[in-house]
Amino acid sequence: MDLNQQLKELSQKYLFEDTNFKTDEQAPNLEVCLTLQEDHIECFIEKASQLNSIIESCSNMITMFDTSVPKEILMQTSLRCGKDNQLYIRTTPSMLNILVETLFG
């Protein structure tokens, strides 16, 4: 599934106000920006203390099914908050879906 379709489906499922992404040559090579609603922010705050273990758990799951991306690269995933209720996720394309599902599902 291409990234546009993946973001469209995640946006429809979780009702994000807006989604967009950019890619670059660095690893991990994808930065997604999700514009969150109030209930997304509350959910994210509840899970904030678990972010390291969530990233590791998602990395472990991905490496079981996709051996093309080393776990070290997956563990470089980062999340940061921005202005206007934006959440930036820097990760690999293979990890995006499971990470968003874990954070907001």
PDB file of N, CA and C in Angstrom:
ATOM      1  N   MET A   1       0.856  -1.170   0.000  1.00  0.00           N
ATOM      2  CA  MET A   1       0.000   0.000   0.000  1.00  0.00           C
ATOM      3  C   MET A   1       0.901   1.232   0.000  1.00  0.00           C
ATOM      4  N   ASP A   2       0.590   2.206  -0.825  1.00  0.00           N
ATOM      5  CA  ASP A   2       1.412   3.409  -0.855  1.00  0.00           C
ATOM      6  C   ASP A   2       1.110   4.306   0.345  1.00  0.00           C
ATOM      7  N   LEU A   3       2.009   5.234   0.602  1.00  0.00           N
ATOM      8  CA  LEU A   3       1.901   6.077   1.799  1.00  0.00           C
ATOM      9  C   LEU A   3       0.661   6.964   1.791  1.00  0.00           C
ATOM     10  N   ASN A   4       0.314   7.495   0.641  1.00  0.00           N
ATOM     11  CA  ASN A   4      -0.892   8.325   0.580  1.00  0.00           C
ATOM     12  C   ASN A   4      -2.134   7.538   0.996  1.00  0.00           C
ATOM     13  N   GLN A   5      -2.253   6.335   0.486  1.00  0.00           N
ATOM     14  CA  GLN A   5      -3.393   5.487   0.822  1.00  0.00           C
ATOM     15  C   GLN A   5      -3.362   5.099   2.294  1.00  0.00           C
ATOM     16  N   GLN A   6      -2.195   4.764   2.792  1.00  0.00           N
ATOM     17  CA  GLN A   6      -2.044   4.385   4.196  1.00  0.00           C
ATOM     18  C   GLN A   6      -2.472   5.542   5.113  1.00  0.00           C
ATOM     19  N   LEU A   7      -2.016   6.743   4.820  1.00  0.00           N
ATOM     20  CA  LEU A   7      -2.402   7.903   5.631  1.00  0.00           C
ATOM     21  C   LEU A   7      -3.880   8.216   5.498  1.00  0.00           C
ATOM     22  N   LYS A   8      -4.410   8.049   4.311  1.00  0.00           N
ATOM     23  CA  LYS A   8      -5.841   8.290   4.110  1.00  0.00           C
ATOM     24  C   LYS A   8      -6.668   7.339   4.975  1.00  0.00           C
ATOM     25  N   GLU A   9      -6.294   6.069   4.987  1.00  0.00           N
ATOM     26  CA  GLU A   9      -7.031   5.088   5.786  1.00  0.00           C
ATOM     27  C   GLU A   9      -6.888   5.354   7.285  1.00  0.00           C
ATOM     28  N   LEU A  10      -5.683   5.707   7.723  1.00  0.00           N
ATOM     29  CA  LEU A  10      -5.491   6.037   9.137  1.00  0.00           C
ATOM     30  C   LEU A  10      -6.290   7.282   9.523  1.00  0.00           C
ATOM     31  N   SER A  11      -6.310   8.260   8.638  1.00  0.00           N
ATOM     32  CA  SER A  11      -7.054   9.487   8.894  1.00  0.00           C
ATOM     33  C   SER A  11      -8.548   9.223   8.986  1.00  0.00           C
ATOM     34  N   GLN A  12      -9.058   8.380   8.114  1.00  0.00           N
ATOM     35  CA  GLN A  12     -10.483   8.038   8.157  1.00  0.00           C
ATOM     36  C   GLN A  12     -10.823   7.244   9.409  1.00  0.00           C
ATOM     37  N   LYS A  13      -9.960   6.327   9.781  1.00  0.00           N
ATOM     38  CA  LYS A  13     -10.217   5.479  10.943  1.00  0.00           C
ATOM     39  C   LYS A  13     -10.169   6.278  12.244  1.00  0.00           C
ATOM     40  N   TYR A  14      -9.175   7.154  12.382  1.00  0.00           N
ATOM     41  CA  TYR A  14      -8.977   7.870  13.642  1.00  0.00           C
ATOM     42  C   TYR A  14      -9.440   9.326  13.608  1.00  0.00           C
ATOM     43  N   LEU A  15      -9.954   9.771  12.477  1.00  0.00           N
ATOM     44  CA  LEU A  15     -10.509  11.116  12.333  1.00  0.00           C
ATOM     45  C   LEU A  15      -9.507  12.219  12.660  1.00  0.00           C
ATOM     46  N   PHE A  16      -8.263  12.051  12.179  1.00  0.00           N
ATOM     47  CA  PHE A  16      -7.288  13.125  12.317  1.00  0.00           C
ATOM     48  C   PHE A  16      -7.756  14.308  11.491  1.00  0.00           C
ATOM     49  N   GLU A  17      -7.501  15.508  11.981  1.00  0.00           N
ATOM     50  CA  GLU A  17      -7.920  16.702  11.247  1.00  0.00           C
ATOM     51  C   GLU A  17      -7.155  16.855   9.935  1.00  0.00           C
ATOM     52  N   ASP A  18      -5.898  16.425   9.941  1.00  0.00           N
ATOM     53  CA  ASP A  18      -5.084  16.535   8.732  1.00  0.00           C
ATOM     54  C   ASP A  18      -3.902  15.576   8.865  1.00  0.00           C
ATOM     55  N   THR A  19      -3.409  15.097   7.750  1.00  0.00           N
ATOM     56  CA  THR A  19      -2.207  14.266   7.729  1.00  0.00           C
ATOM     57  C   THR A  19      -1.376  14.658   6.523  1.00  0.00           C
ATOM     58  N   ASN A  20      -0.069  14.611   6.674  1.00  0.00           N
ATOM     59  CA  ASN A  20       0.822  14.769   5.534  1.00  0.00           C
ATOM     60  C   ASN A  20       2.155  14.137   5.882  1.00  0.00           C
ATOM     61  N   PHE A  21       2.987  13.955   4.881  1.00  0.00           N
ATOM     62  CA  PHE A  21       4.283  13.326   5.115  1.00  0.00           C
ATOM     63  C   PHE A  21       5.314  13.898   4.168  1.00  0.00           C
ATOM     64  N   LYS A  22       6.566  13.688   4.552  1.00  0.00           N
ATOM     65  CA  LYS A  22       7.679  13.984   3.662  1.00  0.00           C
ATOM     66  C   LYS A  22       8.712  12.890   3.837  1.00  0.00           C
ATOM     67  N   THR A  23       9.457  12.619   2.793  1.00  0.00           N
ATOM     68  CA  THR A  23      10.496  11.609   2.840  1.00  0.00           C
ATOM     69  C   THR A  23      11.833  12.281   2.585  1.00  0.00           C
ATOM     70  N   ASP A  24      12.883  11.631   3.059  1.00  0.00           N
ATOM     71  CA  ASP A  24      14.232  12.104   2.773  1.00  0.00           C
ATOM     72  C   ASP A  24      15.164  10.901   2.702  1.00  0.00           C
ATOM     73  N   GLU A  25      16.429  11.139   2.502  1.00  0.00           N
ATOM     74  CA  GLU A  25      17.398  10.058   2.327  1.00  0.00           C
ATOM     75  C   GLU A  25      17.946   9.526   3.647  1.00  0.00           C
ATOM     76  N   GLN A  26      17.569  10.134   4.749  1.00  0.00           N
ATOM     77  CA  GLN A  26      18.074   9.693   6.042  1.00  0.00           C
ATOM     78  C   GLN A  26      17.254   8.522   6.558  1.00  0.00           C
ATOM     79  N   ALA A  27      17.853   7.754   7.455  1.00  0.00           N
ATOM     80  CA  ALA A  27      17.112   6.657   8.098  1.00  0.00           C
ATOM     81  C   ALA A  27      16.752   7.097   9.502  1.00  0.00           C
ATOM     82  N   PRO A  28      15.563   6.931   9.963  1.00  0.00           N
ATOM     83  CA  PRO A  28      14.394   6.502   9.212  1.00  0.00           C
ATOM     84  C   PRO A  28      13.979   7.558   8.187  1.00  0.00           C
ATOM     85  N   ASN A  29      13.357   7.139   7.141  1.00  0.00           N
ATOM     86  CA  ASN A  29      13.209   8.011   5.979  1.00  0.00           C
ATOM     87  C   ASN A  29      11.813   8.586   5.763  1.00  0.00           C
ATOM     88  N   LEU A  30      11.034   8.711   6.795  1.00  0.00           N
ATOM     89  CA  LEU A  30       9.676   9.217   6.637  1.00  0.00           C
ATOM     90  C   LEU A  30       9.324  10.082   7.837  1.00  0.00           C
ATOM     91  N   GLU A  31       8.769  11.259   7.580  1.00  0.00           N
ATOM     92  CA  GLU A  31       8.234  12.070   8.669  1.00  0.00           C
ATOM     93  C   GLU A  31       6.775  12.363   8.360  1.00  0.00           C
ATOM     94  N   VAL A  32       5.917  11.938   9.267  1.00  0.00           N
ATOM     95  CA  VAL A  32       4.480  12.128   9.123  1.00  0.00           C
ATOM     96  C   VAL A  32       4.044  13.176  10.119  1.00  0.00           C
ATOM     97  N   CYS A  33       3.143  14.041   9.697  1.00  0.00           N
ATOM     98  CA  CYS A  33       2.564  15.034  10.587  1.00  0.00           C
ATOM     99  C   CYS A  33       1.063  14.757  10.692  1.00  0.00           C
ATOM    100  N   LEU A  34       0.615  14.486  11.906  1.00  0.00           N
ATOM    101  CA  LEU A  34      -0.801  14.266  12.175  1.00  0.00           C
ATOM    102  C   LEU A  34      -1.328  15.460  12.952  1.00  0.00           C
ATOM    103  N   THR A  35      -2.421  16.036  12.510  1.00  0.00           N
ATOM    104  CA  THR A  35      -3.068  17.099  13.270  1.00  0.00           C
ATOM    105  C   THR A  35      -4.156  16.450  14.106  1.00  0.00           C
ATOM    106  N   LEU A  36      -3.976  16.532  15.418  1.00  0.00           N
ATOM    107  CA  LEU A  36      -4.791  15.786  16.365  1.00  0.00           C
ATOM    108  C   LEU A  36      -5.985  16.589  16.870  1.00  0.00           C
ATOM    109  N   GLN A  37      -7.014  15.859  17.244  1.00  0.00           N
ATOM    110  CA  GLN A  37      -8.159  16.441  17.941  1.00  0.00           C
ATOM    111  C   GLN A  37      -7.917  16.266  19.437  1.00  0.00           C
ATOM    112  N   GLU A  38      -8.759  16.874  20.245  1.00  0.00           N
ATOM    113  CA  GLU A  38      -8.580  16.859  21.697  1.00  0.00           C
ATOM    114  C   GLU A  38      -8.505  15.445  22.265  1.00  0.00           C
ATOM    115  N   ASP A  39      -9.367  14.536  21.808  1.00  0.00           N
ATOM    116  CA  ASP A  39      -9.340  13.175  22.353  1.00  0.00           C
ATOM    117  C   ASP A  39      -8.074  12.413  21.946  1.00  0.00           C
ATOM    118  N   HIS A  40      -7.484  12.740  20.771  1.00  0.00           N
ATOM    119  CA  HIS A  40      -6.205  12.147  20.388  1.00  0.00           C
ATOM    120  C   HIS A  40      -5.116  12.600  21.352  1.00  0.00           C
ATOM    121  N   ILE A  41      -5.147  13.881  21.691  1.00  0.00           N
ATOM    122  CA  ILE A  41      -4.133  14.441  22.589  1.00  0.00           C
ATOM    123  C   ILE A  41      -4.218  13.776  23.959  1.00  0.00           C
ATOM    124  N   GLU A  42      -5.420  13.596  24.448  1.00  0.00           N
ATOM    125  CA  GLU A  42      -5.603  12.929  25.739  1.00  0.00           C
ATOM    126  C   GLU A  42      -5.066  11.505  25.693  1.00  0.00           C
ATOM    127  N   CYS A  43      -5.344  10.794  24.630  1.00  0.00           N
ATOM    128  CA  CYS A  43      -4.861   9.416  24.458  1.00  0.00           C
ATOM    129  C   CYS A  43      -3.332   9.402  24.405  1.00  0.00           C
ATOM    130  N   PHE A  44      -2.754  10.330  23.689  1.00  0.00           N
ATOM    131  CA  PHE A  44      -1.303  10.408  23.569  1.00  0.00           C
ATOM    132  C   PHE A  44      -0.667  10.713  24.930  1.00  0.00           C
ATOM    133  N   ILE A  45      -1.251  11.626  25.681  1.00  0.00           N
ATOM    134  CA  ILE A  45      -0.725  11.967  27.004  1.00  0.00           C
ATOM    135  C   ILE A  45      -0.763  10.752  27.927  1.00  0.00           C
ATOM    136  N   GLU A  46      -1.844   9.983  27.855  1.00  0.00           N
ATOM    137  CA  GLU A  46      -1.956   8.773  28.679  1.00  0.00           C
ATOM    138  C   GLU A  46      -0.840   7.774  28.377  1.00  0.00           C
ATOM    139  N   LYS A  47      -0.405   7.716  27.130  1.00  0.00           N
ATOM    140  CA  LYS A  47       0.610   6.739  26.724  1.00  0.00           C
ATOM    141  C   LYS A  47       2.021   7.317  26.699  1.00  0.00           C
ATOM    142  N   ALA A  48       2.166   8.592  27.017  1.00  0.00           N
ATOM    143  CA  ALA A  48       3.467   9.265  26.906  1.00  0.00           C
ATOM    144  C   ALA A  48       4.561   8.594  27.721  1.00  0.00           C
ATOM    145  N   SER A  49       4.249   8.106  28.893  1.00  0.00           N
ATOM    146  CA  SER A  49       5.266   7.478  29.733  1.00  0.00           C
ATOM    147  C   SER A  49       5.689   6.114  29.187  1.00  0.00           C
ATOM    148  N   GLN A  50       4.956   5.582  28.237  1.00  0.00           N
ATOM    149  CA  GLN A  50       5.238   4.259  27.680  1.00  0.00           C
ATOM    150  C   GLN A  50       5.846   4.317  26.275  1.00  0.00           C
ATOM    151  N   LEU A  51       6.185   5.506  25.786  1.00  0.00           N
ATOM    152  CA  LEU A  51       6.604   5.640  24.387  1.00  0.00           C
ATOM    153  C   LEU A  51       7.803   4.767  24.028  1.00  0.00           C
ATOM    154  N   ASN A  52       8.800   4.692  24.895  1.00  0.00           N
ATOM    155  CA  ASN A  52       9.968   3.860  24.587  1.00  0.00           C
ATOM    156  C   ASN A  52       9.580   2.394  24.440  1.00  0.00           C
ATOM    157  N   SER A  53       8.762   1.901  25.345  1.00  0.00           N
ATOM    158  CA  SER A  53       8.368   0.495  25.253  1.00  0.00           C
ATOM    159  C   SER A  53       7.426   0.258  24.078  1.00  0.00           C
ATOM    160  N   ILE A  54       6.596   1.239  23.739  1.00  0.00           N
ATOM    161  CA  ILE A  54       5.718   1.113  22.563  1.00  0.00           C
ATOM    162  C   ILE A  54       6.559   1.014  21.294  1.00  0.00           C
ATOM    163  N   ILE A  55       7.557   1.863  21.164  1.00  0.00           N
ATOM    164  CA  ILE A  55       8.420   1.836  19.979  1.00  0.00           C
ATOM    165  C   ILE A  55       9.165   0.510  19.900  1.00  0.00           C
ATOM    166  N   GLU A  56       9.683   0.041  21.026  1.00  0.00           N
ATOM    167  CA  GLU A  56      10.394  -1.239  21.008  1.00  0.00           C
ATOM    168  C   GLU A  56       9.471  -2.397  20.660  1.00  0.00           C
ATOM    169  N   SER A  57       8.277  -2.392  21.224  1.00  0.00           N
ATOM    170  CA  SER A  57       7.313  -3.450  20.931  1.00  0.00           C
ATOM    171  C   SER A  57       6.931  -3.457  19.457  1.00  0.00           C
ATOM    172  N   CYS A  58       6.667  -2.285  18.897  1.00  0.00           N
ATOM    173  CA  CYS A  58       6.327  -2.187  17.471  1.00  0.00           C
ATOM    174  C   CYS A  58       7.510  -2.636  16.611  1.00  0.00           C
ATOM    175  N   SER A  59       8.718  -2.261  17.007  1.00  0.00           N
ATOM    176  CA  SER A  59       9.921  -2.675  16.275  1.00  0.00           C
ATOM    177  C   SER A  59      10.059  -4.191  16.267  1.00  0.00           C
ATOM    178  N   ASN A  60       9.828  -4.795  17.420  1.00  0.00           N
ATOM    179  CA  ASN A  60       9.906  -6.250  17.505  1.00  0.00           C
ATOM    180  C   ASN A  60       8.885  -6.909  16.583  1.00  0.00           C
ATOM    181  N   MET A  61       7.699  -6.371  16.548  1.00  0.00           N
ATOM    182  CA  MET A  61       6.648  -6.927  15.700  1.00  0.00           C
ATOM    183  C   MET A  61       7.018  -6.798  14.224  1.00  0.00           C
ATOM    184  N   ILE A  62       7.509  -5.644  13.826  1.00  0.00           N
ATOM    185  CA  ILE A  62       7.873  -5.426  12.420  1.00  0.00           C
ATOM    186  C   ILE A  62       8.999  -6.363  11.999  1.00  0.00           C
ATOM    187  N   THR A  63      10.004  -6.534  12.847  1.00  0.00           N
ATOM    188  CA  THR A  63      11.144  -7.380  12.458  1.00  0.00           C
ATOM    189  C   THR A  63      10.758  -8.851  12.291  1.00  0.00           C
ATOM    190  N   MET A  64       9.661  -9.252  12.887  1.00  0.00           N
ATOM    191  CA  MET A  64       9.195 -10.633  12.682  1.00  0.00           C
ATOM    192  C   MET A  64       8.664 -10.829  11.266  1.00  0.00           C
ATOM    193  N   PHE A  65       8.142  -9.766  10.653  1.00  0.00           N
ATOM    194  CA  PHE A  65       7.511  -9.878   9.343  1.00  0.00           C
ATOM    195  C   PHE A  65       8.298  -9.219   8.220  1.00  0.00           C
ATOM    196  N   ASP A  66       9.164  -8.286   8.560  1.00  0.00           N
ATOM    197  CA  ASP A  66       9.922  -7.551   7.546  1.00  0.00           C
ATOM    198  C   ASP A  66      11.388  -7.527   7.962  1.00  0.00           C
ATOM    199  N   THR A  67      12.174  -8.415   7.387  1.00  0.00           N
ATOM    200  CA  THR A  67      13.588  -8.488   7.753  1.00  0.00           C
ATOM    201  C   THR A  67      14.447  -7.513   6.951  1.00  0.00           C
ATOM    202  N   SER A  68      13.831  -6.746   6.068  1.00  0.00           N
ATOM    203  CA  SER A  68      14.598  -5.817   5.236  1.00  0.00           C
ATOM    204  C   SER A  68      15.038  -4.562   5.999  1.00  0.00           C
ATOM    205  N   VAL A  69      14.400  -4.287   7.129  1.00  0.00           N
ATOM    206  CA  VAL A  69      14.762  -3.108   7.920  1.00  0.00           C
ATOM    207  C   VAL A  69      15.310  -3.580   9.268  1.00  0.00           C
ATOM    208  N   PRO A  70      16.565  -3.280   9.575  1.00  0.00           N
ATOM    209  CA  PRO A  70      17.132  -3.701  10.851  1.00  0.00           C
ATOM    210  C   PRO A  70      16.416  -3.050  12.038  1.00  0.00           C
ATOM    211  N   LYS A  71      16.370  -3.770  13.138  1.00  0.00           N
ATOM    212  CA  LYS A  71      15.707  -3.257  14.339  1.00  0.00           C
ATOM    213  C   LYS A  71      16.339  -1.943  14.787  1.00  0.00           C
ATOM    214  N   GLU A  72      17.641  -1.791  14.601  1.00  0.00           N
ATOM    215  CA  GLU A  72      18.320  -0.554  15.004  1.00  0.00           C
ATOM    216  C   GLU A  72      17.729   0.657  14.285  1.00  0.00           C
ATOM    217  N   ILE A  73      17.366   0.482  13.037  1.00  0.00           N
ATOM    218  CA  ILE A  73      16.737   1.573  12.274  1.00  0.00           C
ATOM    219  C   ILE A  73      15.335   1.844  12.813  1.00  0.00           C
ATOM    220  N   LEU A  74      14.579   0.790  13.069  1.00  0.00           N
ATOM    221  CA  LEU A  74      13.225   0.953  13.602  1.00  0.00           C
ATOM    222  C   LEU A  74      13.244   1.647  14.960  1.00  0.00           C
ATOM    223  N   MET A  75      14.257   1.360  15.755  1.00  0.00           N
ATOM    224  CA  MET A  75      14.350   1.953  17.087  1.00  0.00           C
ATOM    225  C   MET A  75      14.735   3.428  17.038  1.00  0.00           C
ATOM    226  N   GLN A  76      15.090   3.936  15.881  1.00  0.00           N
ATOM    227  CA  GLN A  76      15.382   5.362  15.728  1.00  0.00           C
ATOM    228  C   GLN A  76      14.103   6.179  15.574  1.00  0.00           C
ATOM    229  N   THR A  77      12.973   5.520  15.611  1.00  0.00           N
ATOM    230  CA  THR A  77      11.679   6.206  15.520  1.00  0.00           C
ATOM    231  C   THR A  77      11.590   7.273  16.594  1.00  0.00           C
ATOM    232  N   SER A  78      11.100   8.433  16.214  1.00  0.00           N
ATOM    233  CA  SER A  78      10.939   9.511  17.189  1.00  0.00           C
ATOM    234  C   SER A  78       9.584  10.181  17.003  1.00  0.00           C
ATOM    235  N   LEU A  79       9.098  10.738  18.101  1.00  0.00           N
ATOM    236  CA  LEU A  79       7.836  11.472  18.090  1.00  0.00           C
ATOM    237  C   LEU A  79       8.091  12.831  18.732  1.00  0.00           C
ATOM    238  N   ARG A  80       7.486  13.868  18.167  1.00  0.00           N
ATOM    239  CA  ARG A  80       7.593  15.188  18.781  1.00  0.00           C
ATOM    240  C   ARG A  80       6.308  15.959  18.541  1.00  0.00           C
ATOM    241  N   CYS A  81       5.976  16.765  19.483  1.00  0.00           N
ATOM    242  CA  CYS A  81       4.776  17.586  19.376  1.00  0.00           C
ATOM    243  C   CYS A  81       5.147  18.919  18.747  1.00  0.00           C
ATOM    244  N   GLY A  82       4.228  19.454  17.972  1.00  0.00           N
ATOM    245  CA  GLY A  82       4.428  20.748  17.335  1.00  0.00           C
ATOM    246  C   GLY A  82       3.277  21.672  17.658  1.00  0.00           C
ATOM    247  N   LYS A  83       3.307  22.820  17.065  1.00  0.00           N
ATOM    248  CA  LYS A  83       2.234  23.789  17.297  1.00  0.00           C
ATOM    249  C   LYS A  83       0.940  23.323  16.638  1.00  0.00           C
ATOM    250  N   ASP A  84      -0.132  23.900  17.035  1.00  0.00           N
ATOM    251  CA  ASP A  84      -1.446  23.637  16.433  1.00  0.00           C
ATOM    252  C   ASP A  84      -1.855  22.167  16.490  1.00  0.00           C
ATOM    253  N   ASN A  85      -1.597  21.508  17.632  1.00  0.00           N
ATOM    254  CA  ASN A  85      -2.015  20.119  17.849  1.00  0.00           C
ATOM    255  C   ASN A  85      -1.383  19.137  16.875  1.00  0.00           C
ATOM    256  N   GLN A  86      -0.165  19.396  16.465  1.00  0.00           N
ATOM    257  CA  GLN A  86       0.485  18.520  15.500  1.00  0.00           C
ATOM    258  C   GLN A  86       1.414  17.538  16.210  1.00  0.00           C
ATOM    259  N   LEU A  87       1.397  16.313  15.734  1.00  0.00           N
ATOM    260  CA  LEU A  87       2.306  15.274  16.197  1.00  0.00           C
ATOM    261  C   LEU A  87       3.141  14.833  15.003  1.00  0.00           C
ATOM    262  N   TYR A  88       4.457  14.922  15.147  1.00  0.00           N
ATOM    263  CA  TYR A  88       5.380  14.515  14.094  1.00  0.00           C
ATOM    264  C   TYR A  88       5.957  13.158  14.461  1.00  0.00           C
ATOM    265  N   ILE A  89       5.851  12.223  13.537  1.00  0.00           N
ATOM    266  CA  ILE A  89       6.380  10.879  13.732  1.00  0.00           C
ATOM    267  C   ILE A  89       7.432  10.646  12.658  1.00  0.00           C
ATOM    268  N   ARG A  90       8.651  10.396  13.093  1.00  0.00           N
ATOM    269  CA  ARG A  90       9.746  10.089  12.168  1.00  0.00           C
ATOM    270  C   ARG A  90      10.034   8.601  12.306  1.00  0.00           C
ATOM    271  N   THR A  91       9.789   7.855  11.235  1.00  0.00           N
ATOM    272  CA  THR A  91       9.927   6.404  11.288  1.00  0.00           C
ATOM    273  C   THR A  91      10.084   5.842   9.882  1.00  0.00           C
ATOM    274  N   THR A  92      10.082   4.537   9.782  1.00  0.00           N
ATOM    275  CA  THR A  92      10.114   3.879   8.482  1.00  0.00           C
ATOM    276  C   THR A  92       8.678   3.630   8.023  1.00  0.00           C
ATOM    277  N   PRO A  93       8.442   3.548   6.729  1.00  0.00           N
ATOM    278  CA  PRO A  93       7.084   3.290   6.245  1.00  0.00           C
ATOM    279  C   PRO A  93       6.477   2.004   6.803  1.00  0.00           C
ATOM    280  N   SER A  94       7.303   0.973   6.987  1.00  0.00           N
ATOM    281  CA  SER A  94       6.761  -0.297   7.476  1.00  0.00           C
ATOM    282  C   SER A  94       6.273  -0.217   8.914  1.00  0.00           C
ATOM    283  N   MET A  95       6.733   0.757   9.671  1.00  0.00           N
ATOM    284  CA  MET A  95       6.365   0.849  11.083  1.00  0.00           C
ATOM    285  C   MET A  95       5.227   1.835  11.339  1.00  0.00           C
ATOM    286  N   LEU A  96       4.924   2.680  10.383  1.00  0.00           N
ATOM    287  CA  LEU A  96       3.944   3.739  10.605  1.00  0.00           C
ATOM    288  C   LEU A  96       2.590   3.220  11.067  1.00  0.00           C
ATOM    289  N   ASN A  97       2.025   2.293  10.363  1.00  0.00           N
ATOM    290  CA  ASN A  97       0.673   1.827  10.653  1.00  0.00           C
ATOM    291  C   ASN A  97       0.554   1.228  12.054  1.00  0.00           C
ATOM    292  N   ILE A  98       1.437   0.318  12.390  1.00  0.00           N
ATOM    293  CA  ILE A  98       1.357  -0.345  13.692  1.00  0.00           C
ATOM    294  C   ILE A  98       1.590   0.649  14.827  1.00  0.00           C
ATOM    295  N   LEU A  99       2.449   1.630  14.610  1.00  0.00           N
ATOM    296  CA  LEU A  99       2.718   2.632  15.639  1.00  0.00           C
ATOM    297  C   LEU A  99       1.485   3.500  15.893  1.00  0.00           C
ATOM    298  N   VAL A 100       0.856   3.975  14.835  1.00  0.00           N
ATOM    299  CA  VAL A 100      -0.350   4.799  14.980  1.00  0.00           C
ATOM    300  C   VAL A 100      -1.468   3.975  15.619  1.00  0.00           C
ATOM    301  N   GLU A 101      -1.615   2.731  15.186  1.00  0.00           N
ATOM    302  CA  GLU A 101      -2.630   1.845  15.782  1.00  0.00           C
ATOM    303  C   GLU A 101      -2.393   1.678  17.281  1.00  0.00           C
ATOM    304  N   THR A 102      -1.137   1.509  17.669  1.00  0.00           N
ATOM    305  CA  THR A 102      -0.793   1.323  19.080  1.00  0.00           C
ATOM    306  C   THR A 102      -1.039   2.594  19.881  1.00  0.00           C
ATOM    307  N   LEU A 103      -0.719   3.730  19.303  1.00  0.00           N
ATOM    308  CA  LEU A 103      -0.883   4.994  20.031  1.00  0.00           C
ATOM    309  C   LEU A 103      -2.347   5.407  20.181  1.00  0.00           C
ATOM    310  N   PHE A 104      -3.142   5.176  19.149  1.00  0.00           N
ATOM    311  CA  PHE A 104      -4.503   5.728  19.148  1.00  0.00           C
ATOM    312  C   PHE A 104      -5.604   4.687  19.101  1.00  0.00           C
ATOM    313  N   GLY A 105      -5.255   3.412  18.979  1.00  0.00           N
ATOM    314  CA  GLY A 105      -6.247   2.352  18.892  1.00  0.00           C
ATOM    315  C   GLY A 105      -6.732   1.861  20.233  1.00  0.00           C
TER     316      GLY A 105
END
